[in-house]
Amino acid sequence: MTYDPGNVFARILAGEAKCHSVYEDARALAIMDVMPRADGHALVLPKAQAADFLSLPGEALPGVFAATQQVAKAVKEAFAADGVLVRVHNGSAAGQVIFHMHVHVIPCHEGRQMKPPGHAFADDSALAEHARLIRQALARQAAG
């Protein structure tokens, strides 16, 4: 699979497309998923150009997964989740739609099913509020 530098996540990383960001460091950017499977569904994007997990440079792994862990803890806290699903799709046969490696971080609640993939775009104001809640949880983690 060839990396397309014009994909939407590459455009977000370049500041050319809008997103609701929740976390950023030298190696990763975390944003809200615009078609969330649950309230608080975030995506962690490596800044390295890689179509999928299998093509992500090994030196990028520690930074991406450290960011993923921080975001997952914040998502769990912000949405009072019983658990957090952390998932990476690799290739279209595995459900990958955008070919820039990304990690899904989805809060899960007992007895509540996730929405189906690609069901509908979320309301922009709801995404902004969810991003705010996650940023607040990240700030509490950093302070505590």
N, C-alpha and C. Protein backbone atom coordinates (compact mmCIF):
# COMPACT_ATOMS: atom_id res chain seq x y z
N MET A 1 0.85 -1.16 0.00
CA MET A 1 0.00 0.00 0.00
C MET A 1 0.90 1.23 0.00
N THR A 2 0.58 2.16 -0.86
CA THR A 2 1.37 3.39 -0.99
C THR A 2 0.74 4.50 -0.16
N TYR A 3 1.57 5.24 0.52
CA TYR A 3 1.09 6.35 1.34
C TYR A 3 0.70 7.51 0.44
N ASP A 4 -0.49 8.07 0.68
CA ASP A 4 -0.97 9.24 -0.06
C ASP A 4 -0.82 10.46 0.84
N PRO A 5 0.13 11.35 0.53
CA PRO A 5 0.34 12.53 1.39
C PRO A 5 -0.82 13.52 1.36
N GLY A 6 -1.81 13.28 0.51
CA GLY A 6 -2.99 14.15 0.46
C GLY A 6 -4.17 13.62 1.26
N ASN A 7 -3.98 12.54 2.02
CA ASN A 7 -5.10 11.99 2.79
C ASN A 7 -5.52 12.99 3.87
N VAL A 8 -6.72 12.84 4.37
CA VAL A 8 -7.28 13.83 5.30
C VAL A 8 -6.46 13.95 6.58
N PHE A 9 -5.89 12.86 7.08
CA PHE A 9 -5.09 12.96 8.31
C PHE A 9 -3.77 13.69 8.05
N ALA A 10 -3.17 13.48 6.88
CA ALA A 10 -1.96 14.23 6.52
C ALA A 10 -2.29 15.71 6.40
N ARG A 11 -3.46 16.02 5.85
CA ARG A 11 -3.89 17.42 5.72
C ARG A 11 -4.14 18.03 7.10
N ILE A 12 -4.71 17.27 8.02
CA ILE A 12 -4.92 17.75 9.39
C ILE A 12 -3.56 18.03 10.04
N LEU A 13 -2.63 17.08 9.91
CA LEU A 13 -1.31 17.25 10.51
C LEU A 13 -0.57 18.47 9.93
N ALA A 14 -0.84 18.78 8.67
CA ALA A 14 -0.21 19.94 8.01
C ALA A 14 -0.94 21.24 8.32
N GLY A 15 -2.05 21.15 9.07
CA GLY A 15 -2.83 22.35 9.39
C GLY A 15 -3.72 22.81 8.25
N GLU A 16 -3.97 21.94 7.28
CA GLU A 16 -4.77 22.29 6.11
C GLU A 16 -6.23 21.87 6.22
N ALA A 17 -6.57 21.09 7.23
CA ALA A 17 -7.94 20.63 7.42
C ALA A 17 -8.29 20.78 8.90
N LYS A 18 -9.55 21.05 9.14
CA LYS A 18 -10.05 21.30 10.49
C LYS A 18 -10.15 20.00 11.30
N CYS A 19 -9.93 20.12 12.58
CA CYS A 19 -10.14 19.01 13.50
C CYS A 19 -10.37 19.57 14.90
N HIS A 20 -10.82 18.71 15.78
CA HIS A 20 -10.91 19.04 17.21
C HIS A 20 -9.80 18.25 17.88
N SER A 21 -8.69 18.94 18.15
CA SER A 21 -7.54 18.24 18.74
C SER A 21 -7.68 18.18 20.26
N VAL A 22 -7.12 17.11 20.82
CA VAL A 22 -7.16 16.94 22.27
C VAL A 22 -5.76 16.81 22.86
N TYR A 23 -4.79 16.42 22.04
CA TYR A 23 -3.43 16.18 22.55
C TYR A 23 -2.46 16.30 21.39
N GLU A 24 -1.28 16.84 21.68
CA GLU A 24 -0.24 16.88 20.67
C GLU A 24 1.13 16.90 21.34
N ASP A 25 2.05 16.13 20.76
CA ASP A 25 3.44 16.20 21.15
C ASP A 25 4.27 16.07 19.87
N ALA A 26 5.56 15.85 20.01
CA ALA A 26 6.44 15.82 18.84
C ALA A 26 6.16 14.65 17.91
N ARG A 27 5.54 13.60 18.41
CA ARG A 27 5.35 12.39 17.60
C ARG A 27 3.92 12.07 17.22
N ALA A 28 2.93 12.68 17.90
CA ALA A 28 1.54 12.29 17.65
C ALA A 28 0.59 13.46 17.87
N LEU A 29 -0.56 13.35 17.23
CA LEU A 29 -1.67 14.28 17.41
C LEU A 29 -2.91 13.44 17.67
N ALA A 30 -3.68 13.80 18.69
CA ALA A 30 -4.94 13.10 18.96
C ALA A 30 -6.08 14.05 18.66
N ILE A 31 -7.08 13.54 17.96
CA ILE A 31 -8.23 14.33 17.52
C ILE A 31 -9.51 13.56 17.78
N MET A 32 -10.63 14.26 17.71
CA MET A 32 -11.92 13.60 17.81
C MET A 32 -12.28 12.96 16.47
N ASP A 33 -12.83 11.77 16.51
CA ASP A 33 -13.33 11.12 15.30
C ASP A 33 -14.62 11.81 14.89
N VAL A 34 -14.73 12.22 13.64
CA VAL A 34 -15.93 12.95 13.19
C VAL A 34 -17.12 12.03 12.97
N MET A 35 -16.87 10.72 12.93
CA MET A 35 -17.95 9.73 12.83
C MET A 35 -17.80 8.77 14.01
N PRO A 36 -18.02 9.27 15.22
CA PRO A 36 -17.70 8.49 16.42
C PRO A 36 -18.62 7.29 16.61
N ARG A 37 -18.02 6.22 17.11
CA ARG A 37 -18.79 5.02 17.46
C ARG A 37 -19.39 5.15 18.85
N ALA A 38 -18.87 6.13 19.64
CA ALA A 38 -19.38 6.45 20.97
C ALA A 38 -18.93 7.87 21.28
N ASP A 39 -19.64 8.54 22.17
CA ASP A 39 -19.20 9.87 22.60
C ASP A 39 -17.80 9.74 23.20
N GLY A 40 -16.90 10.59 22.75
CA GLY A 40 -15.53 10.55 23.25
C GLY A 40 -14.57 9.76 22.39
N HIS A 41 -15.04 9.22 21.26
CA HIS A 41 -14.19 8.44 20.35
C HIS A 41 -13.11 9.37 19.77
N ALA A 42 -11.86 9.04 20.10
CA ALA A 42 -10.72 9.84 19.64
C ALA A 42 -9.83 9.00 18.73
N LEU A 43 -8.98 9.68 17.98
CA LEU A 43 -8.01 9.04 17.10
C LEU A 43 -6.64 9.58 17.43
N VAL A 44 -5.65 8.72 17.48
CA VAL A 44 -4.27 9.14 17.68
C VAL A 44 -3.53 8.93 16.36
N LEU A 45 -2.99 10.02 15.84
CA LEU A 45 -2.31 10.00 14.54
C LEU A 45 -0.81 10.16 14.74
N PRO A 46 -0.01 9.25 14.24
CA PRO A 46 1.43 9.50 14.27
C PRO A 46 1.76 10.63 13.30
N LYS A 47 2.76 11.40 13.62
CA LYS A 47 3.21 12.45 12.71
C LYS A 47 4.05 11.86 11.58
N ALA A 48 4.55 10.65 11.78
CA ALA A 48 5.29 9.94 10.72
C ALA A 48 4.32 9.56 9.61
N GLN A 49 4.79 9.62 8.38
CA GLN A 49 3.96 9.22 7.25
C GLN A 49 4.00 7.71 7.10
N ALA A 50 2.90 7.07 7.42
CA ALA A 50 2.79 5.62 7.29
C ALA A 50 1.35 5.29 6.95
N ALA A 51 1.15 4.45 5.96
CA ALA A 51 -0.19 4.09 5.53
C ALA A 51 -0.92 3.28 6.60
N ASP A 52 -0.18 2.44 7.32
CA ASP A 52 -0.81 1.59 8.33
C ASP A 52 0.22 1.22 9.40
N PHE A 53 -0.20 0.46 10.37
CA PHE A 53 0.67 0.05 11.48
C PHE A 53 1.88 -0.73 10.98
N LEU A 54 1.67 -1.55 9.97
CA LEU A 54 2.75 -2.40 9.47
C LEU A 54 3.85 -1.60 8.79
N SER A 55 3.55 -0.40 8.32
CA SER A 55 4.55 0.43 7.66
C SER A 55 5.05 1.57 8.54
N LEU A 56 4.56 1.66 9.76
CA LEU A 56 5.00 2.70 10.69
C LEU A 56 6.44 2.41 11.11
N PRO A 57 7.33 3.39 10.99
CA PRO A 57 8.72 3.14 11.42
C PRO A 57 8.77 2.74 12.90
N GLY A 58 9.62 1.77 13.20
CA GLY A 58 9.73 1.26 14.56
C GLY A 58 10.03 2.34 15.58
N GLU A 59 10.82 3.33 15.20
CA GLU A 59 11.16 4.39 16.16
C GLU A 59 9.95 5.27 16.49
N ALA A 60 8.89 5.22 15.70
CA ALA A 60 7.69 6.01 15.98
C ALA A 60 6.76 5.31 16.98
N LEU A 61 6.89 4.01 17.12
CA LEU A 61 5.98 3.23 17.98
C LEU A 61 5.92 3.72 19.43
N PRO A 62 7.04 3.89 20.12
CA PRO A 62 6.94 4.28 21.53
C PRO A 62 6.18 5.59 21.73
N GLY A 63 6.44 6.59 20.91
CA GLY A 63 5.76 7.87 21.05
C GLY A 63 4.27 7.79 20.76
N VAL A 64 3.92 7.04 19.72
CA VAL A 64 2.50 6.91 19.34
C VAL A 64 1.74 6.18 20.44
N PHE A 65 2.31 5.12 20.97
CA PHE A 65 1.57 4.35 21.96
C PHE A 65 1.63 4.97 23.35
N ALA A 66 2.64 5.77 23.64
CA ALA A 66 2.63 6.54 24.89
C ALA A 66 1.50 7.58 24.82
N ALA A 67 1.37 8.25 23.68
CA ALA A 67 0.28 9.22 23.49
C ALA A 67 -1.07 8.51 23.56
N THR A 68 -1.16 7.34 22.95
CA THR A 68 -2.42 6.58 22.97
C THR A 68 -2.81 6.23 24.39
N GLN A 69 -1.85 5.83 25.21
CA GLN A 69 -2.16 5.48 26.60
C GLN A 69 -2.67 6.70 27.37
N GLN A 70 -2.01 7.84 27.19
CA GLN A 70 -2.46 9.07 27.87
C GLN A 70 -3.87 9.43 27.45
N VAL A 71 -4.13 9.39 26.15
CA VAL A 71 -5.46 9.74 25.65
C VAL A 71 -6.49 8.74 26.15
N ALA A 72 -6.16 7.46 26.15
CA ALA A 72 -7.11 6.44 26.62
C ALA A 72 -7.48 6.65 28.08
N LYS A 73 -6.50 6.98 28.92
CA LYS A 73 -6.80 7.26 30.33
C LYS A 73 -7.72 8.47 30.46
N ALA A 74 -7.46 9.50 29.66
CA ALA A 74 -8.28 10.71 29.73
C ALA A 74 -9.69 10.45 29.20
N VAL A 75 -9.82 9.70 28.13
CA VAL A 75 -11.13 9.36 27.57
C VAL A 75 -11.93 8.55 28.59
N LYS A 76 -11.27 7.59 29.23
CA LYS A 76 -11.97 6.76 30.24
C LYS A 76 -12.49 7.64 31.37
N GLU A 77 -11.66 8.55 31.85
CA GLU A 77 -12.07 9.44 32.93
C GLU A 77 -13.16 10.42 32.48
N ALA A 78 -12.94 11.07 31.36
CA ALA A 78 -13.85 12.13 30.90
C ALA A 78 -15.26 11.61 30.62
N PHE A 79 -15.36 10.35 30.20
CA PHE A 79 -16.67 9.80 29.85
C PHE A 79 -17.13 8.72 30.83
N ALA A 80 -16.49 8.66 31.99
CA ALA A 80 -16.84 7.70 33.03
C ALA A 80 -17.08 6.31 32.44
N ALA A 81 -16.13 5.90 31.58
CA ALA A 81 -16.26 4.64 30.86
C ALA A 81 -15.87 3.46 31.74
N ASP A 82 -16.50 2.33 31.49
CA ASP A 82 -16.15 1.09 32.17
C ASP A 82 -14.90 0.45 31.57
N GLY A 83 -14.62 0.79 30.33
CA GLY A 83 -13.45 0.27 29.63
C GLY A 83 -13.15 1.15 28.44
N VAL A 84 -12.04 0.87 27.76
CA VAL A 84 -11.65 1.63 26.59
C VAL A 84 -11.16 0.65 25.53
N LEU A 85 -11.73 0.77 24.35
CA LEU A 85 -11.30 -0.04 23.22
C LEU A 85 -10.21 0.73 22.49
N VAL A 86 -9.05 0.09 22.31
CA VAL A 86 -7.93 0.66 21.57
C VAL A 86 -7.72 -0.26 20.37
N ARG A 87 -7.89 0.31 19.15
CA ARG A 87 -7.90 -0.54 17.96
C ARG A 87 -7.17 0.12 16.81
N VAL A 88 -6.47 -0.72 16.02
CA VAL A 88 -5.79 -0.28 14.81
C VAL A 88 -6.24 -1.20 13.67
N HIS A 89 -6.73 -0.61 12.59
CA HIS A 89 -7.11 -1.37 11.40
C HIS A 89 -5.95 -1.28 10.40
N ASN A 90 -5.63 -2.38 9.75
CA ASN A 90 -4.53 -2.42 8.79
C ASN A 90 -5.00 -2.97 7.46
N GLY A 91 -5.26 -2.08 6.52
CA GLY A 91 -5.73 -2.46 5.19
C GLY A 91 -7.25 -2.47 5.11
N SER A 92 -7.74 -2.32 3.90
CA SER A 92 -9.20 -2.24 3.70
C SER A 92 -9.91 -3.52 4.14
N ALA A 93 -9.27 -4.67 3.99
CA ALA A 93 -9.89 -5.93 4.42
C ALA A 93 -10.11 -5.95 5.93
N ALA A 94 -9.34 -5.15 6.66
CA ALA A 94 -9.46 -5.07 8.12
C ALA A 94 -10.31 -3.89 8.56
N GLY A 95 -10.91 -3.19 7.61
CA GLY A 95 -11.79 -2.08 7.94
C GLY A 95 -11.14 -0.71 7.90
N GLN A 96 -9.88 -0.62 7.47
CA GLN A 96 -9.24 0.69 7.38
C GLN A 96 -9.81 1.46 6.20
N VAL A 97 -10.16 2.73 6.45
CA VAL A 97 -10.76 3.57 5.42
C VAL A 97 -9.80 4.69 5.01
N ILE A 98 -9.12 5.29 5.98
CA ILE A 98 -8.15 6.34 5.70
C ILE A 98 -6.76 5.75 5.88
N PHE A 99 -5.94 5.85 4.84
CA PHE A 99 -4.66 5.16 4.84
C PHE A 99 -3.51 6.04 5.33
N HIS A 100 -3.73 6.54 6.55
CA HIS A 100 -2.67 7.11 7.39
C HIS A 100 -2.86 6.36 8.70
N MET A 101 -1.83 5.69 9.18
CA MET A 101 -1.97 4.88 10.39
C MET A 101 -2.62 5.72 11.48
N HIS A 102 -3.57 5.15 12.17
CA HIS A 102 -4.22 5.84 13.29
C HIS A 102 -4.76 4.81 14.27
N VAL A 103 -4.84 5.23 15.52
CA VAL A 103 -5.32 4.37 16.59
C VAL A 103 -6.66 4.90 17.07
N HIS A 104 -7.67 4.05 17.09
CA HIS A 104 -8.98 4.41 17.62
C HIS A 104 -8.95 4.22 19.14
N VAL A 105 -9.48 5.20 19.86
CA VAL A 105 -9.62 5.13 21.31
C VAL A 105 -11.10 5.40 21.60
N ILE A 106 -11.81 4.35 22.01
CA ILE A 106 -13.27 4.43 22.13
C ILE A 106 -13.70 4.06 23.55
N PRO A 107 -14.36 5.00 24.26
CA PRO A 107 -14.86 4.65 25.59
C PRO A 107 -16.00 3.64 25.48
N CYS A 108 -16.02 2.68 26.39
CA CYS A 108 -17.05 1.63 26.38
C CYS A 108 -17.76 1.60 27.73
N HIS A 109 -19.06 1.36 27.68
CA HIS A 109 -19.88 1.29 28.89
C HIS A 109 -20.63 -0.03 28.91
N GLU A 110 -20.67 -0.67 30.07
CA GLU A 110 -21.42 -1.91 30.23
C GLU A 110 -22.86 -1.71 29.77
N GLY A 111 -23.36 -2.63 28.97
CA GLY A 111 -24.75 -2.60 28.54
C GLY A 111 -25.07 -1.59 27.45
N ARG A 112 -24.07 -0.90 26.93
CA ARG A 112 -24.31 0.11 25.89
C ARG A 112 -23.49 -0.28 24.65
N GLN A 113 -24.17 -0.49 23.54
CA GLN A 113 -23.48 -0.87 22.31
C GLN A 113 -22.91 0.35 21.61
N MET A 114 -21.81 0.13 20.91
CA MET A 114 -21.24 1.20 20.08
C MET A 114 -22.10 1.36 18.84
N LYS A 115 -22.04 2.56 18.28
CA LYS A 115 -22.70 2.81 17.01
C LYS A 115 -21.93 2.07 15.91
N PRO A 116 -22.59 1.75 14.79
CA PRO A 116 -21.88 1.06 13.71
C PRO A 116 -20.86 2.00 13.05
N PRO A 117 -19.82 1.43 12.45
CA PRO A 117 -18.83 2.27 11.77
C PRO A 117 -19.47 3.07 10.65
N GLY A 118 -19.01 4.30 10.48
CA GLY A 118 -19.46 5.14 9.38
C GLY A 118 -20.94 5.48 9.37
N HIS A 119 -21.56 5.50 10.54
CA HIS A 119 -23.01 5.70 10.60
C HIS A 119 -23.44 7.13 10.28
N ALA A 120 -22.76 8.13 10.82
CA ALA A 120 -23.15 9.52 10.59
C ALA A 120 -22.09 10.45 11.17
N PHE A 121 -22.01 11.65 10.61
CA PHE A 121 -21.11 12.66 11.17
C PHE A 121 -21.70 13.21 12.46
N ALA A 122 -20.84 13.47 13.42
CA ALA A 122 -21.28 14.03 14.70
C ALA A 122 -21.48 15.53 14.55
N ASP A 123 -22.29 16.07 15.43
CA ASP A 123 -22.49 17.51 15.51
C ASP A 123 -21.18 18.17 15.92
N ASP A 124 -20.80 19.23 15.22
CA ASP A 124 -19.53 19.89 15.49
C ASP A 124 -19.44 20.43 16.92
N SER A 125 -20.53 20.97 17.44
CA SER A 125 -20.50 21.50 18.80
C SER A 125 -20.34 20.37 19.83
N ALA A 126 -20.90 19.20 19.54
CA ALA A 126 -20.72 18.05 20.44
C ALA A 126 -19.26 17.60 20.42
N LEU A 127 -18.66 17.57 19.24
CA LEU A 127 -17.25 17.20 19.16
C LEU A 127 -16.37 18.18 19.92
N ALA A 128 -16.69 19.45 19.81
CA ALA A 128 -15.92 20.48 20.53
C ALA A 128 -16.04 20.27 22.03
N GLU A 129 -17.23 19.96 22.51
CA GLU A 129 -17.44 19.72 23.94
C GLU A 129 -16.70 18.46 24.40
N HIS A 130 -16.76 17.40 23.60
CA HIS A 130 -16.07 16.16 23.96
C HIS A 130 -14.56 16.39 24.00
N ALA A 131 -14.05 17.15 23.05
CA ALA A 131 -12.61 17.48 23.05
C ALA A 131 -12.25 18.26 24.31
N ARG A 132 -13.09 19.19 24.70
CA ARG A 132 -12.85 19.98 25.91
C ARG A 132 -12.77 19.07 27.14
N LEU A 133 -13.69 18.13 27.24
CA LEU A 133 -13.71 17.20 28.38
C LEU A 133 -12.43 16.36 28.44
N ILE A 134 -11.97 15.90 27.29
CA ILE A 134 -10.75 15.09 27.25
C ILE A 134 -9.53 15.95 27.60
N ARG A 135 -9.47 17.17 27.07
CA ARG A 135 -8.35 18.06 27.41
C ARG A 135 -8.32 18.35 28.91
N GLN A 136 -9.49 18.53 29.52
CA GLN A 136 -9.54 18.75 30.97
C GLN A 136 -9.02 17.53 31.73
N ALA A 137 -9.40 16.35 31.29
CA ALA A 137 -8.92 15.13 31.94
C ALA A 137 -7.40 14.98 31.76
N LEU A 138 -6.89 15.33 30.60
CA LEU A 138 -5.45 15.30 30.38
C LEU A 138 -4.73 16.29 31.29
N ALA A 139 -5.31 17.46 31.48
CA ALA A 139 -4.72 18.47 32.37
C ALA A 139 -4.71 17.97 33.81
N ARG A 140 -5.77 17.30 34.24
CA ARG A 140 -5.79 16.74 35.59
C ARG A 140 -4.72 15.66 35.75
N GLN A 141 -4.53 14.84 34.72
CA GLN A 141 -3.49 13.81 34.77
C GLN A 141 -2.12 14.45 34.91
N ALA A 142 -1.88 15.49 34.14
CA ALA A 142 -0.57 16.15 34.16
C ALA A 142 -0.31 16.81 35.52
N ALA A 143 -1.36 17.31 36.15
CA ALA A 143 -1.22 17.99 37.43
C ALA A 143 -1.09 17.01 38.60
N GLY A 144 -1.61 15.80 38.39
CA GLY A 144 -1.72 14.91 39.52
C GLY A 144 -0.71 13.88 39.69
